[in-house]
C-alpha atoms as a PDB file:
ATOM      1  CA  MET A   1      48.999  -7.179  12.912  1.00  0.00           C
ATOM      2  CA  THR A   2      48.237 -10.288  14.897  1.00  0.00           C
ATOM      3  CA  THR A   3      44.935 -10.901  16.532  1.00  0.00           C
ATOM      4  CA  GLY A   4      44.140 -13.161  19.434  1.00  0.00           C
ATOM      5  CA  ARG A   5      41.461 -15.776  19.542  1.00  0.00           C
ATOM      6  CA  ILE A   6      37.977 -14.406  20.162  1.00  0.00           C
ATOM      7  CA  GLU A   7      36.511 -15.660  23.427  1.00  0.00           C
ATOM      8  CA  LEU A   8      32.775 -15.349  23.881  1.00  0.00           C
ATOM      9  CA  GLY A   9      31.173 -15.145  27.290  1.00  0.00           C
ATOM     10  CA  ALA A  10      27.859 -16.689  28.270  1.00  0.00           C
ATOM     11  CA  SER A  11      25.833 -13.865  26.708  1.00  0.00           C
ATOM     12  CA  GLY A  12      27.780 -14.019  23.446  1.00  0.00           C
ATOM     13  CA  ARG A  13      27.129 -17.767  23.260  1.00  0.00           C
ATOM     14  CA  ALA A  14      23.421 -17.143  23.954  1.00  0.00           C
ATOM     15  CA  VAL A  15      23.238 -14.691  21.052  1.00  0.00           C
ATOM     16  CA  ALA A  16      24.963 -17.188  18.753  1.00  0.00           C
ATOM     17  CA  ALA A  17      22.627 -20.020  19.782  1.00  0.00           C
ATOM     18  CA  ASN A  18      19.543 -17.823  19.405  1.00  0.00           C
ATOM     19  CA  VAL A  19      20.578 -16.620  15.944  1.00  0.00           C
ATOM     20  CA  LYS A  20      20.906 -20.240  14.854  1.00  0.00           C
ATOM     21  CA  ARG A  21      17.624 -21.239  16.567  1.00  0.00           C
ATOM     22  CA  LEU A  22      15.616 -18.371  15.073  1.00  0.00           C
ATOM     23  CA  ARG A  23      17.106 -18.825  11.593  1.00  0.00           C
ATOM     24  CA  LYS A  24      16.222 -22.527  11.593  1.00  0.00           C
ATOM     25  CA  ALA A  25      12.744 -21.869  13.065  1.00  0.00           C
ATOM     26  CA  ARG A  26      12.015 -19.700  10.039  1.00  0.00           C
ATOM     27  CA  GLY A  27      13.398 -22.298   7.657  1.00  0.00           C
ATOM     28  CA  TRP A  28      16.034 -19.865   6.392  1.00  0.00           C
ATOM     29  CA  SER A  29      19.372 -20.868   4.972  1.00  0.00           C
ATOM     30  CA  LEU A  30      22.465 -18.815   5.773  1.00  0.00           C
ATOM     31  CA  ARG A  31      21.985 -17.189   2.385  1.00  0.00           C
ATOM     32  CA  ALA A  32      18.340 -16.311   3.099  1.00  0.00           C
ATOM     33  CA  LEU A  33      19.263 -14.666   6.420  1.00  0.00           C
ATOM     34  CA  SER A  34      22.075 -12.771   4.705  1.00  0.00           C
ATOM     35  CA  GLU A  35      19.570 -11.479   2.126  1.00  0.00           C
ATOM     36  CA  GLU A  36      17.076 -10.468   4.841  1.00  0.00           C
ATOM     37  CA  LEU A  37      19.798  -8.512   6.638  1.00  0.00           C
ATOM     38  CA  SER A  38      20.895  -6.821   3.415  1.00  0.00           C
ATOM     39  CA  ALA A  39      17.284  -5.766   2.811  1.00  0.00           C
ATOM     40  CA  VAL A  40      17.308  -3.820   6.108  1.00  0.00           C
ATOM     41  CA  GLY A  41      20.701  -2.256   5.420  1.00  0.00           C
ATOM     42  CA  ARG A  42      22.903  -4.519   7.529  1.00  0.00           C
ATOM     43  CA  GLY A  43      24.813  -6.684   5.089  1.00  0.00           C
ATOM     44  CA  LEU A  44      26.352  -9.759   6.669  1.00  0.00           C
ATOM     45  CA  SER A  45      27.764 -12.483   4.466  1.00  0.00           C
ATOM     46  CA  GLN A  46      26.799 -16.129   4.797  1.00  0.00           C
ATOM     47  CA  ASP A  47      30.305 -16.751   6.133  1.00  0.00           C
ATOM     48  CA  ALA A  48      29.888 -14.051   8.805  1.00  0.00           C
ATOM     49  CA  ILE A  49      26.552 -15.535   9.914  1.00  0.00           C
ATOM     50  CA  ASN A  50      28.073 -19.022  10.014  1.00  0.00           C
ATOM     51  CA  LYS A  51      30.896 -17.702  12.228  1.00  0.00           C
ATOM     52  CA  ILE A  52      28.330 -16.033  14.504  1.00  0.00           C
ATOM     53  CA  GLU A  53      26.453 -19.330  14.865  1.00  0.00           C
ATOM     54  CA  ASN A  54      29.717 -21.208  15.527  1.00  0.00           C
ATOM     55  CA  GLY A  55      29.986 -19.225  18.759  1.00  0.00           C
ATOM     56  CA  ALA A  56      27.091 -21.185  20.267  1.00  0.00           C
ATOM     57  CA  GLU A  57      29.423 -24.054  21.154  1.00  0.00           C
ATOM     58  CA  GLU A  58      31.510 -23.399  24.265  1.00  0.00           C
ATOM     59  CA  GLY A  59      35.184 -24.094  23.616  1.00  0.00           C
ATOM     60  CA  THR A  60      34.709 -24.519  19.865  1.00  0.00           C
ATOM     61  CA  THR A  61      37.805 -24.562  17.681  1.00  0.00           C
ATOM     62  CA  LYS A  62      35.817 -23.215  14.726  1.00  0.00           C
ATOM     63  CA  GLN A  63      36.197 -19.614  13.635  1.00  0.00           C
ATOM     64  CA  ILE A  64      33.718 -17.347  15.362  1.00  0.00           C
ATOM     65  CA  ARG A  65      32.504 -13.782  15.017  1.00  0.00           C
ATOM     66  CA  ARG A  66      31.143 -11.467  17.690  1.00  0.00           C
ATOM     67  CA  VAL A  67      27.789  -9.744  17.211  1.00  0.00           C
ATOM     68  CA  ASP A  68      27.975  -5.986  17.679  1.00  0.00           C
ATOM     69  CA  ALA A  69      25.050  -3.800  18.776  1.00  0.00           C
ATOM     70  CA  ASP A  70      24.027  -2.914  15.205  1.00  0.00           C
ATOM     71  CA  ASP A  71      24.116  -6.587  14.174  1.00  0.00           C
ATOM     72  CA  LEU A  72      22.001  -7.506  17.198  1.00  0.00           C
ATOM     73  CA  ILE A  73      19.319  -4.925  16.462  1.00  0.00           C
ATOM     74  CA  ALA A  74      19.183  -5.784  12.738  1.00  0.00           C
ATOM     75  CA  LEU A  75      18.912  -9.494  13.569  1.00  0.00           C
ATOM     76  CA  ALA A  76      16.046  -8.781  15.986  1.00  0.00           C
ATOM     77  CA  VAL A  77      14.287  -6.725  13.295  1.00  0.00           C
ATOM     78  CA  VAL A  78      14.537  -9.416  10.597  1.00  0.00           C
ATOM     79  CA  PHE A  79      13.543 -12.197  12.998  1.00  0.00           C
ATOM     80  CA  GLY A  80      10.616 -10.099  14.245  1.00  0.00           C
ATOM     81  CA  VAL A  81      11.581 -10.381  17.915  1.00  0.00           C
ATOM     82  CA  ALA A  82      12.703  -8.016  20.667  1.00  0.00           C
ATOM     83  CA  PRO A  83      16.484  -7.826  21.224  1.00  0.00           C
ATOM     84  CA  ALA A  84      16.013  -9.719  24.495  1.00  0.00           C
ATOM     85  CA  ALA A  85      15.054 -12.803  22.459  1.00  0.00           C
ATOM     86  CA  LEU A  86      18.625 -12.869  21.183  1.00  0.00           C
ATOM     87  CA  LEU A  87      20.349 -12.003  24.459  1.00  0.00           C
ATOM     88  CA  VAL A  88      18.810 -14.550  26.827  1.00  0.00           C
ATOM     89  CA  PRO A  89      18.972 -18.326  26.378  1.00  0.00           C
ATOM     90  CA  LEU A  90      15.657 -20.018  25.653  1.00  0.00           C
ATOM     91  CA  THR A  91      14.962 -22.630  28.329  1.00  0.00           C
ATOM     92  CA  TYR A  92      12.146 -25.074  28.943  1.00  0.00           C
ATOM     93  CA  LEU A  93      11.756 -24.161  32.619  1.00  0.00           C
ATOM     94  CA  PRO A  94      11.940 -20.707  34.236  1.00  0.00           C
ATOM     95  CA  THR A  95      14.011 -22.175  37.070  1.00  0.00           C
ATOM     96  CA  GLU A  96      16.847 -23.394  34.840  1.00  0.00           C
ATOM     97  CA  SER A  97      20.137 -21.573  35.333  1.00  0.00           C
ATOM     98  CA  VAL A  98      21.441 -19.465  32.475  1.00  0.00           C
ATOM     99  CA  GLY A  99      24.734 -17.660  32.190  1.00  0.00           C
ATOM    100  CA  VAL A 100      24.729 -13.874  31.953  1.00  0.00           C
ATOM    101  CA  THR A 101      28.066 -12.199  31.327  1.00  0.00           C
ATOM    102  CA  GLY A 102      28.998 -10.150  34.389  1.00  0.00           C
ATOM    103  CA  ALA A 103      26.337 -11.687  36.628  1.00  0.00           C
ATOM    104  CA  GLY A 104      27.155 -15.401  36.448  1.00  0.00           C
ATOM    105  CA  GLU A 105      24.459 -18.055  36.633  1.00  0.00           C
ATOM    106  CA  VAL A 106      20.922 -16.830  37.346  1.00  0.00           C
ATOM    107  CA  PRO A 107      17.469 -18.402  36.993  1.00  0.00           C
ATOM    108  CA  ALA A 108      16.164 -18.022  33.435  1.00  0.00           C
ATOM    109  CA  LEU A 109      13.079 -16.152  34.657  1.00  0.00           C
ATOM    110  CA  THR A 110      15.269 -13.581  36.409  1.00  0.00           C
ATOM    111  CA  ALA A 111      17.382 -13.085  33.272  1.00  0.00           C
ATOM    112  CA  TRP A 112      14.263 -12.584  31.126  1.00  0.00           C
ATOM    113  CA  LEU A 113      12.692 -10.151  33.597  1.00  0.00           C
ATOM    114  CA  TRP A 114      15.900  -8.139  33.627  1.00  0.00           C
ATOM    115  CA  ALA A 115      16.327  -8.206  29.830  1.00  0.00           C
ATOM    116  CA  THR A 116      12.754  -6.974  29.378  1.00  0.00           C
ATOM    117  CA  SER A 117      13.090  -4.244  32.064  1.00  0.00           C
ATOM    118  CA  GLU A 118      10.618  -5.872  34.437  1.00  0.00           C
ATOM    119  CA  ILE A 119      13.365  -5.750  37.056  1.00  0.00           C
ATOM    120  CA  GLN A 120      16.233  -3.284  36.977  1.00  0.00           C
ATOM    121  CA  ARG A 121      19.130  -5.220  38.483  1.00  0.00           C
ATOM    122  CA  LEU A 122      20.604  -8.706  38.460  1.00  0.00           C
ATOM    123  CA  VAL A 123      23.271  -8.081  41.070  1.00  0.00           C
ATOM    124  CA  TYR A 124      23.060  -6.001  44.241  1.00  0.00           C
ATOM    125  CA  ASP A 125      25.811  -4.468  46.348  1.00  0.00           C
ATOM    126  CA  THR A 126      25.248  -6.076  49.759  1.00  0.00           C
ATOM    127  CA  ASP A 127      26.717  -3.036  51.553  1.00  0.00           C
ATOM    128  CA  ARG A 128      23.959  -0.706  50.280  1.00  0.00           C
ATOM    129  CA  ARG A 129      20.191  -0.710  50.668  1.00  0.00           C
ATOM    130  CA  ARG A 130      18.478  -2.615  47.878  1.00  0.00           C
ATOM    131  CA  GLN A 131      15.698   0.002  47.605  1.00  0.00           C
ATOM    132  CA  THR A 132      18.291   2.731  46.981  1.00  0.00           C
ATOM    133  CA  GLN A 133      19.935   0.653  44.259  1.00  0.00           C
ATOM    134  CA  ASP A 134      16.550   0.016  42.596  1.00  0.00           C
ATOM    135  CA  ARG A 135      15.820   3.742  42.557  1.00  0.00           C
ATOM    136  CA  GLU A 136      19.236   4.488  41.063  1.00  0.00           C
ATOM    137  CA  SER A 137      18.674   1.855  38.374  1.00  0.00           C
ATOM    138  CA  THR A 138      15.346   3.426  37.442  1.00  0.00           C
ATOM    139  CA  LEU A 139      16.772   6.955  37.561  1.00  0.00           C
ATOM    140  CA  TYR A 140      19.810   6.211  35.403  1.00  0.00           C
ATOM    141  CA  GLY A 141      18.529   3.286  33.337  1.00  0.00           C
ATOM    142  CA  LEU A 142      15.140   4.451  32.051  1.00  0.00           C
ATOM    143  CA  PRO A 143      13.900   7.644  30.427  1.00  0.00           C
ATOM    144  CA  GLU A 144      11.773   9.733  32.793  1.00  0.00           C
ATOM    145  CA  TRP A 145       8.679   9.053  30.689  1.00  0.00           C
ATOM    146  CA  LEU A 146       9.072   5.273  31.120  1.00  0.00           C
ATOM    147  CA  THR A 147       9.195   5.098  34.899  1.00  0.00           C
ATOM    148  CA  PRO A 148       7.095   2.065  35.893  1.00  0.00           C
ATOM    149  CA  GLY A 149       3.783   2.900  37.544  1.00  0.00           C
ATOM    150  CA  LYS A 150       4.051   6.640  36.927  1.00  0.00           C
ATOM    151  CA  PRO A 151       2.192   8.750  34.367  1.00  0.00           C
ATOM    152  CA  LEU A 152       4.073  10.865  31.875  1.00  0.00           C
ATOM    153  CA  PRO A 153       5.482  13.985  33.509  1.00  0.00           C
ATOM    154  CA  ALA A 154       3.062  16.897  32.921  1.00  0.00           C
ATOM    155  CA  GLU A 155       5.584  18.926  30.914  1.00  0.00           C
ATOM    156  CA  VAL A 156       6.258  15.958  28.609  1.00  0.00           C
ATOM    157  CA  ALA A 157       2.517  15.338  28.133  1.00  0.00           C
ATOM    158  CA  ARG A 158       1.962  19.020  27.265  1.00  0.00           C
ATOM    159  CA  GLU A 159       4.935  19.048  24.881  1.00  0.00           C
ATOM    160  CA  ILE A 160       3.466  16.178  22.846  1.00  0.00           C
ATOM    161  CA  GLY A 161      -0.096  17.530  22.995  1.00  0.00           C
ATOM    162  CA  LEU A 162      -1.756  15.036  25.352  1.00  0.00           C
ATOM    163  CA  ALA A 163      -4.875  16.034  27.281  1.00  0.00           C
ATOM    164  CA  ASP A 164      -5.033  15.209  30.999  1.00  0.00           C
ATOM    165  CA  ASP A 165      -7.076  12.063  30.339  1.00  0.00           C
ATOM    166  CA  GLU A 166      -4.981  10.747  27.417  1.00  0.00           C
ATOM    167  CA  THR A 167      -2.099   8.297  27.205  1.00  0.00           C
ATOM    168  CA  LEU A 168       0.048   6.962  24.376  1.00  0.00           C
ATOM    169  CA  ARG A 169      -0.074   3.414  23.123  1.00  0.00           C
ATOM    170  CA  PRO A 170       2.159   1.756  20.544  1.00  0.00           C
ATOM    171  CA  ASP A 171       0.452   0.739  17.311  1.00  0.00           C
ATOM    172  CA  TRP A 172       1.274   0.164  13.640  1.00  0.00           C
ATOM    173  CA  ASP A 173       0.192   2.075  10.557  1.00  0.00           C
ATOM    174  CA  ASP A 174      -1.188   0.553   7.335  1.00  0.00           C
ATOM    175  CA  GLU A 175       2.353  -0.076   6.074  1.00  0.00           C
ATOM    176  CA  GLY A 176       3.368  -1.939   9.229  1.00  0.00           C
ATOM    177  CA  ARG A 177       5.510   0.902  10.601  1.00  0.00           C
ATOM    178  CA  PRO A 178       5.429   1.702  14.349  1.00  0.00           C
ATOM    179  CA  VAL A 179       3.442   4.752  15.459  1.00  0.00           C
ATOM    180  CA  LEU A 180       2.119   6.113  18.750  1.00  0.00           C
ATOM    181  CA  ARG A 181      -1.611   6.673  19.111  1.00  0.00           C
ATOM    182  CA  LYS A 182      -3.397   8.866  21.640  1.00  0.00           C
ATOM    183  CA  GLU A 183      -5.912   6.991  23.757  1.00  0.00           C
ATOM    184  CA  ARG A 184      -8.376   8.145  26.420  1.00  0.00           C
ATOM    185  CA  ASP A 185      -7.452   6.867  29.867  1.00  0.00           C
ATOM    186  CA  ASP A 186     -10.451   4.962  31.275  1.00  0.00           C
ATOM    187  CA  GLY A 187      -9.030   5.077  34.805  1.00  0.00           C
END
């Protein structure tokens, strides 16, 4: 079976560059990162990580490896960052253009807002109302209980045992594991 050359788009190159940047920022060797990934159940060899990092260079002739969704999440976990920190290029200025596969060049701030769900779309269909497209993005892209600016639906709040004046907030237990805590709403 023959395989063709792997071509990474702008987002694939951003992931590769961010893996390399975050690994070096922590002072980790390829081996150390491989061991960290193995510890969370996502074994990647030093060679695989090196091939991932090779993808940072556009047009490289070096062997490269794509990052799949499970790799991306495991990398975010071991680096202690949100997945967006791997997906979007780190820039000095928010106005710098960054490439986003499928959307082309956009300002870095726009890419970050989109990757962190602060905005729902990067590209709009000019033949349709923008407000309608935003509503569709919220409807289809977010769980009902995460709709910006809206409280939890009453049936969801009842199901999880929240009183009318309570909300949930993310927190961590004594072992550093994520938990949700009930909190009285001061508003």
